[in-house]
Amino acid sequence: MKYGFIPACNLKVCVTINIEAEDFQAAAEHQKRLEGAIAPLLEAYPKAAVTVNRTRAARMTQGGSGRRVHVASGRVSQYE
């Protein structure tokens, strides 16, 4: 049996936590708690990175008119 080069295995782990906060102060408190909870992971994995992003709330309105537009020409596709 021939043994050749075995490439290293890279893993990327992503955890998504969506938090609804009533204001910036509440959001900051959530972020502080999360950073405390993640601190042991950052100590164990020094190359790890944590990012916290603000997202927009979902719109509460109905989307679109229900008619599809042909992308290349701008014509409306007719569906029966």
N, C-alpha and C. Protein backbone atom coordinates (compact mmCIF):
# COMPACT_ATOMS: atom_id res chain seq x y z
N MET A 1 0.85 -1.17 0.00
CA MET A 1 0.00 0.00 0.00
C MET A 1 0.89 1.23 0.00
N LYS A 2 0.58 2.17 -0.84
CA LYS A 2 1.38 3.37 -0.99
C LYS A 2 0.80 4.49 -0.14
N TYR A 3 1.65 5.13 0.67
CA TYR A 3 1.21 6.24 1.50
C TYR A 3 1.65 7.54 0.85
N GLY A 4 0.70 8.38 0.55
CA GLY A 4 1.00 9.66 -0.08
C GLY A 4 0.69 10.81 0.87
N PHE A 5 0.72 11.97 0.32
CA PHE A 5 0.45 13.18 1.10
C PHE A 5 -1.02 13.22 1.49
N ILE A 6 -1.28 13.44 2.76
CA ILE A 6 -2.65 13.58 3.25
C ILE A 6 -2.85 15.04 3.62
N PRO A 7 -3.72 15.73 2.91
CA PRO A 7 -3.91 17.17 3.20
C PRO A 7 -4.54 17.38 4.58
N ALA A 8 -4.24 18.53 5.15
CA ALA A 8 -4.83 18.89 6.44
C ALA A 8 -6.32 19.15 6.26
N CYS A 9 -7.04 18.90 7.29
CA CYS A 9 -8.49 19.10 7.25
C CYS A 9 -8.81 20.44 7.89
N ASN A 10 -9.49 21.30 7.18
CA ASN A 10 -9.90 22.59 7.71
C ASN A 10 -11.39 22.55 8.03
N LEU A 11 -11.74 23.08 9.17
CA LEU A 11 -13.14 23.16 9.57
C LEU A 11 -13.50 24.61 9.80
N LYS A 12 -14.70 24.98 9.40
CA LYS A 12 -15.23 26.30 9.69
C LYS A 12 -16.58 26.08 10.36
N VAL A 13 -16.69 26.57 11.58
CA VAL A 13 -17.91 26.39 12.36
C VAL A 13 -18.61 27.74 12.47
N CYS A 14 -19.85 27.79 12.08
CA CYS A 14 -20.64 29.03 12.16
C CYS A 14 -21.84 28.78 13.06
N VAL A 15 -22.04 29.68 13.99
CA VAL A 15 -23.20 29.61 14.87
C VAL A 15 -23.96 30.91 14.69
N THR A 16 -25.24 30.83 14.39
CA THR A 16 -26.05 32.03 14.20
C THR A 16 -27.07 32.11 15.33
N ILE A 17 -27.08 33.24 15.99
CA ILE A 17 -28.04 33.49 17.05
C ILE A 17 -28.76 34.79 16.72
N ASN A 18 -30.04 34.72 16.45
CA ASN A 18 -30.84 35.92 16.17
C ASN A 18 -31.49 36.38 17.46
N ILE A 19 -31.23 37.63 17.82
CA ILE A 19 -31.77 38.19 19.06
C ILE A 19 -32.57 39.43 18.72
N GLU A 20 -33.78 39.50 19.23
CA GLU A 20 -34.60 40.69 19.07
C GLU A 20 -34.47 41.52 20.34
N ALA A 21 -33.94 42.72 20.20
CA ALA A 21 -33.78 43.62 21.35
C ALA A 21 -34.64 44.84 21.13
N GLU A 22 -35.19 45.37 22.20
CA GLU A 22 -36.09 46.52 22.09
C GLU A 22 -35.37 47.82 21.80
N ASP A 23 -34.10 47.93 22.22
CA ASP A 23 -33.33 49.15 21.97
C ASP A 23 -31.84 48.80 21.99
N PHE A 24 -31.01 49.83 21.76
CA PHE A 24 -29.57 49.60 21.69
C PHE A 24 -29.00 49.16 23.05
N GLN A 25 -29.56 49.63 24.12
CA GLN A 25 -29.07 49.25 25.45
C GLN A 25 -29.31 47.75 25.69
N ALA A 26 -30.49 47.28 25.37
CA ALA A 26 -30.79 45.85 25.52
C ALA A 26 -29.90 45.03 24.60
N ALA A 27 -29.66 45.51 23.39
CA ALA A 27 -28.79 44.80 22.45
C ALA A 27 -27.37 44.72 22.99
N ALA A 28 -26.90 45.80 23.61
CA ALA A 28 -25.55 45.80 24.19
C ALA A 28 -25.45 44.81 25.34
N GLU A 29 -26.49 44.69 26.14
CA GLU A 29 -26.49 43.72 27.23
C GLU A 29 -26.43 42.29 26.71
N HIS A 30 -27.18 42.00 25.64
CA HIS A 30 -27.13 40.67 25.02
C HIS A 30 -25.73 40.40 24.49
N GLN A 31 -25.14 41.38 23.82
CA GLN A 31 -23.82 41.20 23.25
C GLN A 31 -22.79 40.93 24.35
N LYS A 32 -22.88 41.65 25.47
CA LYS A 32 -21.95 41.45 26.58
C LYS A 32 -22.08 40.03 27.14
N ARG A 33 -23.32 39.55 27.31
CA ARG A 33 -23.53 38.19 27.81
C ARG A 33 -22.98 37.14 26.84
N LEU A 34 -23.19 37.35 25.54
CA LEU A 34 -22.68 36.41 24.55
C LEU A 34 -21.16 36.38 24.53
N GLU A 35 -20.53 37.55 24.64
CA GLU A 35 -19.07 37.60 24.65
C GLU A 35 -18.51 36.87 25.87
N GLY A 36 -19.20 36.97 27.01
CA GLY A 36 -18.77 36.23 28.19
C GLY A 36 -18.90 34.73 28.00
N ALA A 37 -19.97 34.31 27.34
CA ALA A 37 -20.19 32.88 27.11
C ALA A 37 -19.20 32.31 26.10
N ILE A 38 -18.77 33.12 25.15
CA ILE A 38 -17.86 32.67 24.10
C ILE A 38 -16.40 32.76 24.52
N ALA A 39 -16.09 33.48 25.59
CA ALA A 39 -14.71 33.69 26.03
C ALA A 39 -13.91 32.39 26.17
N PRO A 40 -14.47 31.32 26.78
CA PRO A 40 -13.69 30.07 26.87
C PRO A 40 -13.33 29.48 25.50
N LEU A 41 -14.22 29.63 24.52
CA LEU A 41 -13.91 29.14 23.17
C LEU A 41 -12.78 29.93 22.54
N LEU A 42 -12.78 31.24 22.75
CA LEU A 42 -11.72 32.07 22.19
C LEU A 42 -10.38 31.76 22.83
N GLU A 43 -10.38 31.38 24.11
CA GLU A 43 -9.14 30.98 24.77
C GLU A 43 -8.63 29.66 24.21
N ALA A 44 -9.53 28.74 23.94
CA ALA A 44 -9.15 27.43 23.42
C ALA A 44 -8.72 27.50 21.94
N TYR A 45 -9.30 28.42 21.20
CA TYR A 45 -9.00 28.58 19.77
C TYR A 45 -8.59 30.02 19.51
N PRO A 46 -7.31 30.34 19.67
CA PRO A 46 -6.86 31.73 19.57
C PRO A 46 -7.05 32.37 18.19
N LYS A 47 -7.16 31.58 17.14
CA LYS A 47 -7.37 32.15 15.80
C LYS A 47 -8.84 32.38 15.48
N ALA A 48 -9.71 32.08 16.42
CA ALA A 48 -11.15 32.25 16.20
C ALA A 48 -11.50 33.73 16.15
N ALA A 49 -12.55 34.04 15.45
CA ALA A 49 -13.04 35.42 15.34
C ALA A 49 -14.54 35.43 15.60
N VAL A 50 -14.99 36.45 16.27
CA VAL A 50 -16.42 36.62 16.57
C VAL A 50 -16.86 37.94 15.98
N THR A 51 -17.97 37.92 15.25
CA THR A 51 -18.54 39.16 14.72
C THR A 51 -19.99 39.25 15.14
N VAL A 52 -20.42 40.45 15.45
CA VAL A 52 -21.81 40.72 15.79
C VAL A 52 -22.30 41.75 14.79
N ASN A 53 -23.36 41.43 14.07
CA ASN A 53 -23.90 42.33 13.04
C ASN A 53 -25.33 42.71 13.37
N ARG A 54 -25.65 43.94 13.06
CA ARG A 54 -27.02 44.41 13.21
C ARG A 54 -27.76 44.13 11.91
N THR A 55 -28.95 43.55 12.00
CA THR A 55 -29.76 43.26 10.82
C THR A 55 -31.05 44.05 10.89
N ARG A 56 -31.69 44.19 9.77
CA ARG A 56 -32.97 44.88 9.73
C ARG A 56 -34.10 43.91 10.03
N ALA A 57 -35.14 44.42 10.61
CA ALA A 57 -36.31 43.59 10.89
C ALA A 57 -37.01 43.25 9.57
N ALA A 58 -37.66 42.12 9.54
CA ALA A 58 -38.40 41.70 8.35
C ALA A 58 -39.57 42.64 8.11
N ARG A 59 -39.85 42.89 6.86
CA ARG A 59 -40.99 43.74 6.51
C ARG A 59 -42.29 43.01 6.77
N MET A 60 -43.29 43.75 7.20
CA MET A 60 -44.57 43.16 7.54
C MET A 60 -45.60 43.27 6.40
N THR A 61 -45.17 43.73 5.22
CA THR A 61 -46.10 43.91 4.10
C THR A 61 -46.01 42.73 3.14
N GLN A 62 -47.04 42.60 2.31
CA GLN A 62 -47.04 41.58 1.26
C GLN A 62 -46.00 41.97 0.23
N GLY A 63 -45.26 41.00 -0.29
CA GLY A 63 -44.21 41.28 -1.26
C GLY A 63 -44.69 41.18 -2.69
N GLY A 64 -44.49 42.22 -3.47
CA GLY A 64 -44.71 42.19 -4.90
C GLY A 64 -46.17 42.08 -5.32
N SER A 65 -46.37 42.19 -6.63
CA SER A 65 -47.71 42.13 -7.19
C SER A 65 -48.09 40.73 -7.63
N GLY A 66 -47.12 39.78 -7.54
CA GLY A 66 -47.40 38.42 -7.96
C GLY A 66 -47.12 38.20 -9.44
N ARG A 67 -46.71 39.23 -10.16
CA ARG A 67 -46.39 39.10 -11.58
C ARG A 67 -44.89 39.02 -11.72
N ARG A 68 -44.41 38.06 -12.50
CA ARG A 68 -42.98 37.87 -12.69
C ARG A 68 -42.51 38.68 -13.89
N VAL A 69 -41.35 39.30 -13.77
CA VAL A 69 -40.78 40.10 -14.85
C VAL A 69 -39.66 39.31 -15.50
N HIS A 70 -39.67 39.25 -16.83
CA HIS A 70 -38.60 38.58 -17.56
C HIS A 70 -37.33 39.41 -17.38
N VAL A 71 -36.28 38.81 -16.86
CA VAL A 71 -35.08 39.53 -16.46
C VAL A 71 -34.42 40.26 -17.62
N ALA A 72 -34.25 39.61 -18.76
CA ALA A 72 -33.50 40.20 -19.86
C ALA A 72 -34.26 41.33 -20.56
N SER A 73 -35.57 41.20 -20.74
CA SER A 73 -36.32 42.17 -21.52
C SER A 73 -37.15 43.13 -20.69
N GLY A 74 -37.43 42.78 -19.45
CA GLY A 74 -38.30 43.62 -18.64
C GLY A 74 -39.78 43.34 -18.87
N ARG A 75 -40.10 42.42 -19.80
CA ARG A 75 -41.50 42.08 -20.06
C ARG A 75 -42.09 41.27 -18.92
N VAL A 76 -43.34 41.43 -18.70
CA VAL A 76 -44.03 40.68 -17.66
C VAL A 76 -44.45 39.33 -18.22
N SER A 77 -44.07 38.26 -17.50
CA SER A 77 -44.47 36.91 -17.93
C SER A 77 -45.92 36.69 -17.60
N GLN A 78 -46.66 36.10 -18.52
CA GLN A 78 -48.08 35.84 -18.33
C GLN A 78 -48.26 34.42 -17.80
N TYR A 79 -48.88 34.29 -16.65
CA TYR A 79 -49.19 32.98 -16.06
C TYR A 79 -50.69 32.88 -15.91
N GLU A 80 -51.23 31.77 -16.29
CA GLU A 80 -52.65 31.54 -16.23
C GLU A 80 -53.00 30.76 -14.99
